[in-house]
Every structure is written in structure tokens, then in C-alpha cells.
Amino acid sequence: WLASALRVLNERERRIIAERRLQDDGMTLEALGSSLGISKERVRQIESRALDKLRDVLSRRHPALVS
């Protein structure tokens, strides 16, 4: 279900979620921003939007998973 949900994200959103949330030692906003050539605030904004998209798709496809 997670792989299916991640398909709603664009490539940059997927990378940010993968680097920040799907690894044991997630990258910091600053490190990820530096590697993407954007500010840490912009990374935070993109991450927030991506998490909202994931919550939305999961709530529609798998309502029991989202509280």
C-alpha cells in the first residue's frame, strides 16, 4: 500500500520523503536542501505537501490506516 501511495508524489517529493522518512538515519532539512539546491525551508514545505498528499490518498484507499 505504501508503494502504491508513493506513486501520487512527483520525483522530488518522493526523494524528500524517502531521504527524510523512510531511512533509519534520515537526512536533515539542511543537508537535503543542499543536495537539491534549495533552502531547508523549501524542503520542509515540499515535505509537508507530500505528507498531506499521502494522507489523502491513504485515507481514500485504506481508511483504517489513517486515524
C-alpha atoms as a PDB file:
ATOM      1  CA  TRP A   1       0.000   0.000   0.000  1.00  0.00           C
ATOM      2  CA  LEU A   2       2.899   2.350   0.671  1.00  0.00           C
ATOM      3  CA  ALA A   3       4.462   1.866  -2.769  1.00  0.00           C
ATOM      4  CA  SER A   4       1.063   2.486  -4.316  1.00  0.00           C
ATOM      5  CA  ALA A   5       0.575   5.661  -2.280  1.00  0.00           C
ATOM      6  CA  LEU A   6       4.043   6.985  -3.152  1.00  0.00           C
ATOM      7  CA  ARG A   7       3.080   6.975  -6.843  1.00  0.00           C
ATOM      8  CA  VAL A   8       0.924  10.080  -6.293  1.00  0.00           C
ATOM      9  CA  LEU A   9       4.051  12.085  -5.487  1.00  0.00           C
ATOM     10  CA  ASN A  10       6.333  13.679  -8.044  1.00  0.00           C
ATOM     11  CA  GLU A  11      10.001  12.675  -8.196  1.00  0.00           C
ATOM     12  CA  ARG A  12      11.263  15.442  -5.909  1.00  0.00           C
ATOM     13  CA  GLU A  13       8.545  14.789  -3.314  1.00  0.00           C
ATOM     14  CA  ARG A  14       9.329  11.044  -3.371  1.00  0.00           C
ATOM     15  CA  ARG A  15      13.039  11.737  -2.902  1.00  0.00           C
ATOM     16  CA  ILE A  16      12.400  14.045   0.047  1.00  0.00           C
ATOM     17  CA  ILE A  17      10.060  11.561   1.738  1.00  0.00           C
ATOM     18  CA  ALA A  18      12.469   8.683   1.092  1.00  0.00           C
ATOM     19  CA  GLU A  19      15.510  10.578   2.370  1.00  0.00           C
ATOM     20  CA  ARG A  20      13.771  12.088   5.420  1.00  0.00           C
ATOM     21  CA  ARG A  21      11.199   9.493   6.498  1.00  0.00           C
ATOM     22  CA  LEU A  22      11.950   6.078   5.004  1.00  0.00           C
ATOM     23  CA  GLN A  23      15.512   5.639   6.269  1.00  0.00           C
ATOM     24  CA  ASP A  24      16.766   4.850   9.758  1.00  0.00           C
ATOM     25  CA  ASP A  25      19.033   7.904   9.744  1.00  0.00           C
ATOM     26  CA  GLY A  26      17.015  10.404   7.751  1.00  0.00           C
ATOM     27  CA  MET A  27      18.743  13.414   6.271  1.00  0.00           C
ATOM     28  CA  THR A  28      18.331  16.807   7.883  1.00  0.00           C
ATOM     29  CA  LEU A  29      16.384  19.538   6.126  1.00  0.00           C
ATOM     30  CA  GLU A  30      19.626  21.440   5.664  1.00  0.00           C
ATOM     31  CA  ALA A  31      21.559  18.504   4.168  1.00  0.00           C
ATOM     32  CA  LEU A  32      18.737  17.572   1.836  1.00  0.00           C
ATOM     33  CA  GLY A  33      18.234  21.176   0.777  1.00  0.00           C
ATOM     34  CA  SER A  34      21.916  21.464  -0.006  1.00  0.00           C
ATOM     35  CA  SER A  35      21.888  18.308  -2.136  1.00  0.00           C
ATOM     36  CA  LEU A  36      18.784  19.513  -4.018  1.00  0.00           C
ATOM     37  CA  GLY A  37      19.975  23.098  -4.366  1.00  0.00           C
ATOM     38  CA  ILE A  38      17.048  24.566  -2.405  1.00  0.00           C
ATOM     39  CA  SER A  39      16.611  26.052   1.065  1.00  0.00           C
ATOM     40  CA  LYS A  40      15.797  23.930   4.085  1.00  0.00           C
ATOM     41  CA  GLU A  41      12.522  25.862   4.406  1.00  0.00           C
ATOM     42  CA  ARG A  42      11.585  24.857   0.849  1.00  0.00           C
ATOM     43  CA  VAL A  43      12.374  21.211   1.680  1.00  0.00           C
ATOM     44  CA  ARG A  44      10.088  21.496   4.711  1.00  0.00           C
ATOM     45  CA  GLN A  45       7.292  22.962   2.583  1.00  0.00           C
ATOM     46  CA  ILE A  46       7.607  20.227  -0.065  1.00  0.00           C
ATOM     47  CA  GLU A  47       7.743  17.527   2.605  1.00  0.00           C
ATOM     48  CA  SER A  48       4.621  18.910   4.285  1.00  0.00           C
ATOM     49  CA  ARG A  49       2.705  18.989   0.984  1.00  0.00           C
ATOM     50  CA  ALA A  50       3.860  15.455   0.152  1.00  0.00           C
ATOM     51  CA  LEU A  51       2.754  14.123   3.538  1.00  0.00           C
ATOM     52  CA  ASP A  52      -0.655  15.765   3.034  1.00  0.00           C
ATOM     53  CA  LYS A  53      -0.946  14.054  -0.367  1.00  0.00           C
ATOM     54  CA  LEU A  54      -0.025  10.697   1.177  1.00  0.00           C
ATOM     55  CA  ARG A  55      -2.564  11.105   3.988  1.00  0.00           C
ATOM     56  CA  ASP A  56      -5.242  11.990   1.462  1.00  0.00           C
ATOM     57  CA  VAL A  57      -4.618   9.023  -0.826  1.00  0.00           C
ATOM     58  CA  LEU A  58      -4.291   6.605   2.102  1.00  0.00           C
ATOM     59  CA  SER A  59      -7.491   7.847   3.700  1.00  0.00           C
ATOM     60  CA  ARG A  60      -9.349   7.238   0.440  1.00  0.00           C
ATOM     61  CA  ARG A  61      -7.807   3.837  -0.359  1.00  0.00           C
ATOM     62  CA  HIS A  62      -7.266   2.461   3.155  1.00  0.00           C
ATOM     63  CA  PRO A  63      -9.376   4.385   5.674  1.00  0.00           C
ATOM     64  CA  ALA A  64      -8.421   2.046   8.543  1.00  0.00           C
ATOM     65  CA  LEU A  65      -4.740   3.045   8.231  1.00  0.00           C
ATOM     66  CA  VAL A  66      -5.314   6.755   8.828  1.00  0.00           C
ATOM     67  CA  SER A  67      -6.537   7.979  12.171  1.00  0.00           C
END
